[in-house]
N, C-alpha and C. Protein backbone atom coordinates (compact mmCIF):
# COMPACT_ATOMS: atom_id res chain seq x y z
N MET A 1 11.36 16.97 -5.84
CA MET A 1 10.71 15.93 -5.07
C MET A 1 10.40 14.77 -6.01
N GLN A 2 10.75 13.56 -5.57
CA GLN A 2 10.42 12.37 -6.36
C GLN A 2 9.30 11.60 -5.67
N ILE A 3 8.26 11.33 -6.45
CA ILE A 3 7.11 10.56 -5.97
C ILE A 3 6.96 9.33 -6.85
N LEU A 4 6.82 8.18 -6.22
CA LEU A 4 6.56 6.95 -6.97
C LEU A 4 5.20 6.42 -6.52
N SER A 5 4.31 6.18 -7.48
CA SER A 5 2.99 5.64 -7.21
C SER A 5 2.86 4.30 -7.93
N TRP A 6 2.37 3.28 -7.21
CA TRP A 6 2.37 1.93 -7.76
C TRP A 6 1.16 1.16 -7.24
N ASN A 7 0.37 0.60 -8.16
CA ASN A 7 -0.71 -0.31 -7.79
C ASN A 7 -0.08 -1.68 -7.63
N VAL A 8 0.08 -2.11 -6.40
CA VAL A 8 0.85 -3.33 -6.11
C VAL A 8 0.02 -4.62 -6.13
N GLN A 9 -1.29 -4.52 -6.27
CA GLN A 9 -2.17 -5.70 -6.31
C GLN A 9 -1.79 -6.71 -5.23
N TRP A 10 -1.94 -6.29 -4.00
CA TRP A 10 -1.62 -7.01 -2.76
C TRP A 10 -0.20 -7.57 -2.74
N CYS A 11 0.71 -6.89 -3.46
CA CYS A 11 2.15 -7.22 -3.47
C CYS A 11 2.43 -8.61 -4.01
N CYS A 12 1.53 -9.13 -4.85
CA CYS A 12 1.69 -10.48 -5.40
C CYS A 12 2.43 -10.40 -6.73
N GLY A 13 3.59 -11.04 -6.78
CA GLY A 13 4.40 -11.03 -7.99
C GLY A 13 3.96 -12.08 -8.99
N LEU A 14 4.59 -12.09 -10.14
CA LEU A 14 4.28 -13.07 -11.17
C LEU A 14 4.58 -14.49 -10.71
N ASP A 15 5.41 -14.63 -9.69
CA ASP A 15 5.74 -15.94 -9.14
C ASP A 15 4.70 -16.43 -8.13
N GLY A 16 3.63 -15.64 -7.90
CA GLY A 16 2.57 -16.03 -6.98
C GLY A 16 2.86 -15.73 -5.52
N LEU A 17 4.02 -15.14 -5.22
CA LEU A 17 4.36 -14.82 -3.84
C LEU A 17 3.94 -13.38 -3.52
N ALA A 18 3.29 -13.22 -2.40
CA ALA A 18 2.95 -11.88 -1.91
C ALA A 18 4.06 -11.46 -0.96
N ASP A 19 4.85 -10.49 -1.39
CA ASP A 19 6.04 -10.11 -0.65
C ASP A 19 6.19 -8.58 -0.62
N PRO A 20 5.59 -7.93 0.39
CA PRO A 20 5.67 -6.47 0.47
C PRO A 20 7.11 -5.95 0.53
N ALA A 21 7.99 -6.65 1.23
CA ALA A 21 9.38 -6.21 1.35
C ALA A 21 10.04 -6.15 -0.02
N ARG A 22 9.77 -7.13 -0.85
CA ARG A 22 10.34 -7.14 -2.21
C ARG A 22 9.84 -5.94 -3.01
N ILE A 23 8.55 -5.64 -2.90
CA ILE A 23 7.97 -4.51 -3.64
C ILE A 23 8.62 -3.20 -3.17
N VAL A 24 8.71 -3.00 -1.87
CA VAL A 24 9.28 -1.76 -1.34
C VAL A 24 10.75 -1.65 -1.74
N ARG A 25 11.52 -2.74 -1.63
CA ARG A 25 12.93 -2.70 -2.03
C ARG A 25 13.06 -2.31 -3.50
N HIS A 26 12.23 -2.90 -4.35
CA HIS A 26 12.29 -2.60 -5.78
C HIS A 26 11.92 -1.14 -6.04
N ALA A 27 10.88 -0.66 -5.38
CA ALA A 27 10.46 0.73 -5.56
C ALA A 27 11.57 1.69 -5.15
N LEU A 28 12.17 1.44 -4.00
CA LEU A 28 13.24 2.31 -3.53
C LEU A 28 14.45 2.25 -4.46
N ALA A 29 14.74 1.08 -5.00
CA ALA A 29 15.86 0.95 -5.95
C ALA A 29 15.57 1.72 -7.23
N MET A 30 14.32 1.73 -7.69
CA MET A 30 13.97 2.51 -8.88
C MET A 30 14.22 3.99 -8.63
N GLY A 31 13.91 4.45 -7.44
CA GLY A 31 14.13 5.85 -7.10
C GLY A 31 15.60 6.20 -7.02
N GLU A 32 16.40 5.29 -6.49
CA GLU A 32 17.84 5.54 -6.41
C GLU A 32 18.45 5.61 -7.80
N GLY A 33 17.94 4.82 -8.72
CA GLY A 33 18.42 4.85 -10.09
C GLY A 33 18.08 6.15 -10.80
N ALA A 34 17.04 6.83 -10.33
CA ALA A 34 16.63 8.09 -10.96
C ALA A 34 17.46 9.27 -10.47
N GLY A 35 18.29 9.05 -9.48
CA GLY A 35 19.16 10.11 -8.98
C GLY A 35 18.46 11.02 -7.99
N ALA A 36 19.13 12.13 -7.67
CA ALA A 36 18.60 13.17 -6.77
C ALA A 36 18.25 12.64 -5.39
N GLY A 37 18.91 11.58 -4.93
CA GLY A 37 18.70 11.12 -3.56
C GLY A 37 17.60 10.10 -3.36
N GLY A 38 16.90 9.71 -4.40
CA GLY A 38 15.89 8.66 -4.27
C GLY A 38 14.48 9.20 -4.07
N ILE A 39 13.60 8.29 -3.75
CA ILE A 39 12.17 8.60 -3.62
C ILE A 39 11.91 9.34 -2.31
N ASP A 40 11.15 10.42 -2.41
CA ASP A 40 10.74 11.18 -1.23
C ASP A 40 9.39 10.69 -0.70
N VAL A 41 8.49 10.34 -1.62
CA VAL A 41 7.15 9.88 -1.24
C VAL A 41 6.83 8.62 -2.05
N LEU A 42 6.48 7.55 -1.35
CA LEU A 42 6.10 6.29 -1.97
C LEU A 42 4.62 6.06 -1.73
N CYS A 43 3.85 5.92 -2.81
CA CYS A 43 2.40 5.70 -2.72
C CYS A 43 2.09 4.31 -3.27
N LEU A 44 1.52 3.46 -2.44
CA LEU A 44 1.17 2.10 -2.86
C LEU A 44 -0.34 1.92 -2.77
N GLN A 45 -0.94 1.46 -3.87
CA GLN A 45 -2.37 1.18 -3.89
C GLN A 45 -2.60 -0.32 -3.85
N GLU A 46 -3.74 -0.72 -3.27
CA GLU A 46 -4.16 -2.11 -3.12
C GLU A 46 -3.25 -2.89 -2.18
N VAL A 47 -2.93 -2.27 -1.07
CA VAL A 47 -2.20 -2.93 0.01
C VAL A 47 -3.25 -3.70 0.82
N ALA A 48 -2.95 -4.95 1.16
CA ALA A 48 -3.94 -5.82 1.80
C ALA A 48 -3.62 -6.07 3.27
N VAL A 49 -4.70 -6.24 4.04
CA VAL A 49 -4.60 -6.65 5.44
C VAL A 49 -5.67 -7.71 5.67
N GLY A 50 -5.26 -8.89 6.11
CA GLY A 50 -6.22 -9.92 6.50
C GLY A 50 -6.85 -10.70 5.36
N HIS A 51 -6.30 -10.66 4.19
CA HIS A 51 -6.86 -11.39 3.05
C HIS A 51 -6.06 -12.68 2.82
N GLY A 52 -6.08 -13.56 3.79
CA GLY A 52 -5.28 -14.78 3.74
C GLY A 52 -5.65 -15.73 2.61
N ALA A 53 -6.85 -15.60 2.04
CA ALA A 53 -7.26 -16.51 0.97
C ALA A 53 -6.72 -16.08 -0.39
N LEU A 54 -6.18 -14.88 -0.49
CA LEU A 54 -5.61 -14.43 -1.77
C LEU A 54 -4.32 -15.18 -2.07
N ALA A 55 -3.96 -15.23 -3.34
CA ALA A 55 -2.71 -15.89 -3.75
C ALA A 55 -1.55 -15.30 -2.97
N GLY A 56 -0.72 -16.17 -2.42
CA GLY A 56 0.45 -15.74 -1.68
C GLY A 56 0.18 -15.44 -0.22
N ALA A 57 -1.07 -15.58 0.23
CA ALA A 57 -1.46 -15.31 1.62
C ALA A 57 -0.80 -14.04 2.15
N PRO A 58 -1.30 -12.87 1.71
CA PRO A 58 -0.60 -11.62 1.95
C PRO A 58 -0.39 -11.19 3.40
N GLY A 59 -1.22 -11.60 4.33
CA GLY A 59 -1.02 -11.20 5.73
C GLY A 59 -1.24 -9.71 5.94
N ASP A 60 -0.52 -9.13 6.92
CA ASP A 60 -0.65 -7.71 7.24
C ASP A 60 0.42 -6.94 6.48
N GLN A 61 0.08 -6.51 5.29
CA GLN A 61 1.05 -5.84 4.43
C GLN A 61 1.38 -4.43 4.91
N VAL A 62 0.48 -3.81 5.64
CA VAL A 62 0.78 -2.48 6.17
C VAL A 62 1.95 -2.58 7.13
N ARG A 63 1.90 -3.53 8.03
CA ARG A 63 3.00 -3.73 8.99
C ARG A 63 4.30 -4.05 8.26
N SER A 64 4.23 -4.92 7.27
CA SER A 64 5.43 -5.28 6.51
C SER A 64 6.01 -4.08 5.78
N CYS A 65 5.17 -3.29 5.14
CA CYS A 65 5.65 -2.11 4.41
C CYS A 65 6.26 -1.09 5.35
N ARG A 66 5.65 -0.89 6.49
CA ARG A 66 6.20 0.08 7.45
C ARG A 66 7.59 -0.33 7.91
N ARG A 67 7.82 -1.62 8.09
CA ARG A 67 9.15 -2.10 8.50
C ARG A 67 10.19 -1.85 7.42
N CYS A 68 9.78 -1.94 6.16
CA CYS A 68 10.73 -1.85 5.04
C CYS A 68 10.99 -0.44 4.56
N CYS A 69 10.04 0.44 4.73
CA CYS A 69 10.18 1.80 4.19
C CYS A 69 11.20 2.59 5.00
N ARG A 70 12.05 3.27 4.29
CA ARG A 70 12.97 4.20 4.94
C ARG A 70 12.29 5.55 4.99
N ALA A 71 11.24 5.61 5.76
CA ALA A 71 10.42 6.82 5.77
C ALA A 71 10.26 7.33 7.19
N GLY A 72 10.13 8.62 7.30
CA GLY A 72 9.86 9.21 8.59
C GLY A 72 8.41 9.02 8.99
N SER A 73 7.53 8.95 7.99
CA SER A 73 6.09 8.81 8.24
C SER A 73 5.50 7.81 7.27
N CYS A 74 4.55 7.02 7.76
CA CYS A 74 3.89 6.02 6.92
C CYS A 74 2.41 5.99 7.31
N PHE A 75 1.53 6.17 6.32
CA PHE A 75 0.10 6.27 6.59
C PHE A 75 -0.67 5.26 5.74
N PHE A 76 -1.71 4.67 6.31
CA PHE A 76 -2.57 3.73 5.59
C PHE A 76 -4.01 4.21 5.71
N ALA A 77 -4.72 4.18 4.59
CA ALA A 77 -6.15 4.49 4.58
C ALA A 77 -6.86 3.38 3.83
N ALA A 78 -7.78 2.70 4.50
CA ALA A 78 -8.53 1.62 3.88
C ALA A 78 -9.56 2.18 2.90
N THR A 79 -9.62 1.58 1.72
CA THR A 79 -10.67 1.93 0.77
C THR A 79 -11.82 0.94 0.86
N THR A 80 -11.51 -0.29 1.28
CA THR A 80 -12.53 -1.27 1.63
C THR A 80 -12.12 -1.84 2.99
N ASP A 81 -13.10 -2.00 3.85
CA ASP A 81 -12.81 -2.46 5.21
C ASP A 81 -14.02 -3.21 5.73
N GLY A 82 -13.81 -4.39 6.25
CA GLY A 82 -14.92 -5.16 6.77
C GLY A 82 -14.44 -6.45 7.39
N PHE A 83 -15.38 -7.34 7.67
CA PHE A 83 -15.07 -8.60 8.32
C PHE A 83 -15.58 -9.74 7.47
N ASP A 84 -14.82 -10.85 7.43
CA ASP A 84 -15.29 -12.02 6.69
C ASP A 84 -16.20 -12.85 7.60
N ALA A 85 -16.65 -14.00 7.10
CA ALA A 85 -17.59 -14.84 7.84
C ALA A 85 -17.02 -15.33 9.17
N SER A 86 -15.70 -15.47 9.27
CA SER A 86 -15.10 -15.96 10.50
C SER A 86 -14.78 -14.83 11.49
N GLY A 87 -15.10 -13.59 11.12
CA GLY A 87 -14.83 -12.46 12.00
C GLY A 87 -13.46 -11.82 11.81
N GLN A 88 -12.71 -12.28 10.81
CA GLN A 88 -11.39 -11.72 10.50
C GLN A 88 -11.55 -10.39 9.78
N ARG A 89 -10.89 -9.35 10.26
CA ARG A 89 -10.93 -8.05 9.59
C ARG A 89 -10.13 -8.12 8.31
N ARG A 90 -10.72 -7.58 7.22
CA ARG A 90 -10.04 -7.54 5.92
C ARG A 90 -10.14 -6.13 5.36
N SER A 91 -9.00 -5.64 4.88
CA SER A 91 -8.95 -4.30 4.31
C SER A 91 -8.09 -4.29 3.07
N PHE A 92 -8.44 -3.41 2.17
CA PHE A 92 -7.59 -3.03 1.04
C PHE A 92 -7.48 -1.52 1.13
N GLY A 93 -6.33 -1.00 0.78
CA GLY A 93 -6.23 0.44 0.82
C GLY A 93 -4.95 0.98 0.26
N ASN A 94 -4.69 2.23 0.60
CA ASN A 94 -3.55 2.96 0.08
C ASN A 94 -2.59 3.27 1.21
N LEU A 95 -1.31 3.08 0.92
CA LEU A 95 -0.26 3.38 1.88
C LEU A 95 0.62 4.47 1.29
N VAL A 96 0.89 5.49 2.07
CA VAL A 96 1.77 6.59 1.65
C VAL A 96 2.89 6.69 2.68
N ALA A 97 4.12 6.59 2.20
CA ALA A 97 5.30 6.72 3.05
C ALA A 97 6.09 7.93 2.58
N SER A 98 6.53 8.74 3.52
CA SER A 98 7.27 9.95 3.18
C SER A 98 8.51 10.08 4.04
N ARG A 99 9.61 10.41 3.40
CA ARG A 99 10.80 10.71 4.19
C ARG A 99 10.88 12.21 4.50
N LEU A 100 9.93 12.96 3.97
CA LEU A 100 9.83 14.40 4.24
C LEU A 100 8.83 14.62 5.37
N PRO A 101 8.93 15.74 6.06
CA PRO A 101 7.95 16.03 7.12
C PRO A 101 6.53 16.12 6.56
N VAL A 102 5.57 15.61 7.32
CA VAL A 102 4.16 15.65 6.90
C VAL A 102 3.40 16.53 7.90
N ALA A 103 2.79 17.58 7.38
CA ALA A 103 2.08 18.53 8.24
C ALA A 103 0.65 18.09 8.53
N GLU A 104 0.01 17.39 7.58
CA GLU A 104 -1.40 17.05 7.76
C GLU A 104 -1.74 15.84 6.90
N VAL A 105 -2.62 15.00 7.40
CA VAL A 105 -3.11 13.85 6.65
C VAL A 105 -4.63 13.90 6.66
N ALA A 106 -5.24 13.76 5.49
CA ALA A 106 -6.70 13.76 5.39
C ALA A 106 -7.12 12.65 4.43
N GLN A 107 -8.19 11.98 4.77
CA GLN A 107 -8.75 10.96 3.90
C GLN A 107 -10.13 11.44 3.46
N HIS A 108 -10.36 11.37 2.14
CA HIS A 108 -11.64 11.78 1.59
C HIS A 108 -12.23 10.61 0.81
N ARG A 109 -13.40 10.20 1.18
CA ARG A 109 -14.09 9.13 0.46
C ARG A 109 -14.68 9.68 -0.82
N LEU A 110 -14.54 8.95 -1.90
CA LEU A 110 -15.16 9.33 -3.16
C LEU A 110 -16.63 8.93 -3.11
N PRO A 111 -17.49 9.68 -3.77
CA PRO A 111 -18.92 9.31 -3.76
C PRO A 111 -19.13 8.00 -4.51
N TRP A 112 -20.06 7.22 -4.04
CA TRP A 112 -20.36 5.93 -4.63
C TRP A 112 -21.84 5.91 -4.96
N LEU A 113 -22.16 5.64 -6.20
CA LEU A 113 -23.57 5.62 -6.60
C LEU A 113 -24.29 4.43 -6.00
N ALA A 114 -25.53 4.67 -5.56
CA ALA A 114 -26.33 3.60 -4.99
C ALA A 114 -26.66 2.54 -6.04
N GLU A 115 -26.90 2.98 -7.30
CA GLU A 115 -27.19 2.06 -8.37
C GLU A 115 -26.22 2.33 -9.52
N VAL A 116 -25.51 1.30 -9.93
CA VAL A 116 -24.47 1.46 -10.93
C VAL A 116 -25.02 1.50 -12.34
N GLY A 117 -26.13 0.84 -12.61
CA GLY A 117 -26.62 0.65 -13.96
C GLY A 117 -27.42 1.78 -14.56
N TRP A 118 -27.21 3.01 -14.18
CA TRP A 118 -28.02 4.11 -14.75
C TRP A 118 -27.46 4.65 -15.99
């Protein structure tokens, strides 16, 4: 099984363009170069939804990634989720795409300390 995990930083390249399709194409090409049929599971961290003020105006990257992935299943779990002052929903999170069958999906929140400076 080949797994590729990548922190995509809202899919923004060095050229300032936020392009999820380019990231997914590159990831899949890396897997094909490794042989054995390519990537079975693609894990992307820091996928953005609704963060139009970020460089490259990322838009709905979950939708874009789902269109590009050659996967049987694609799952998104927000690690941050909320609304901006104008009422626009904004999320950052993790996307997992699998071309293998998925029996179960679970999201577990990590504990967050109430006070960081201890």
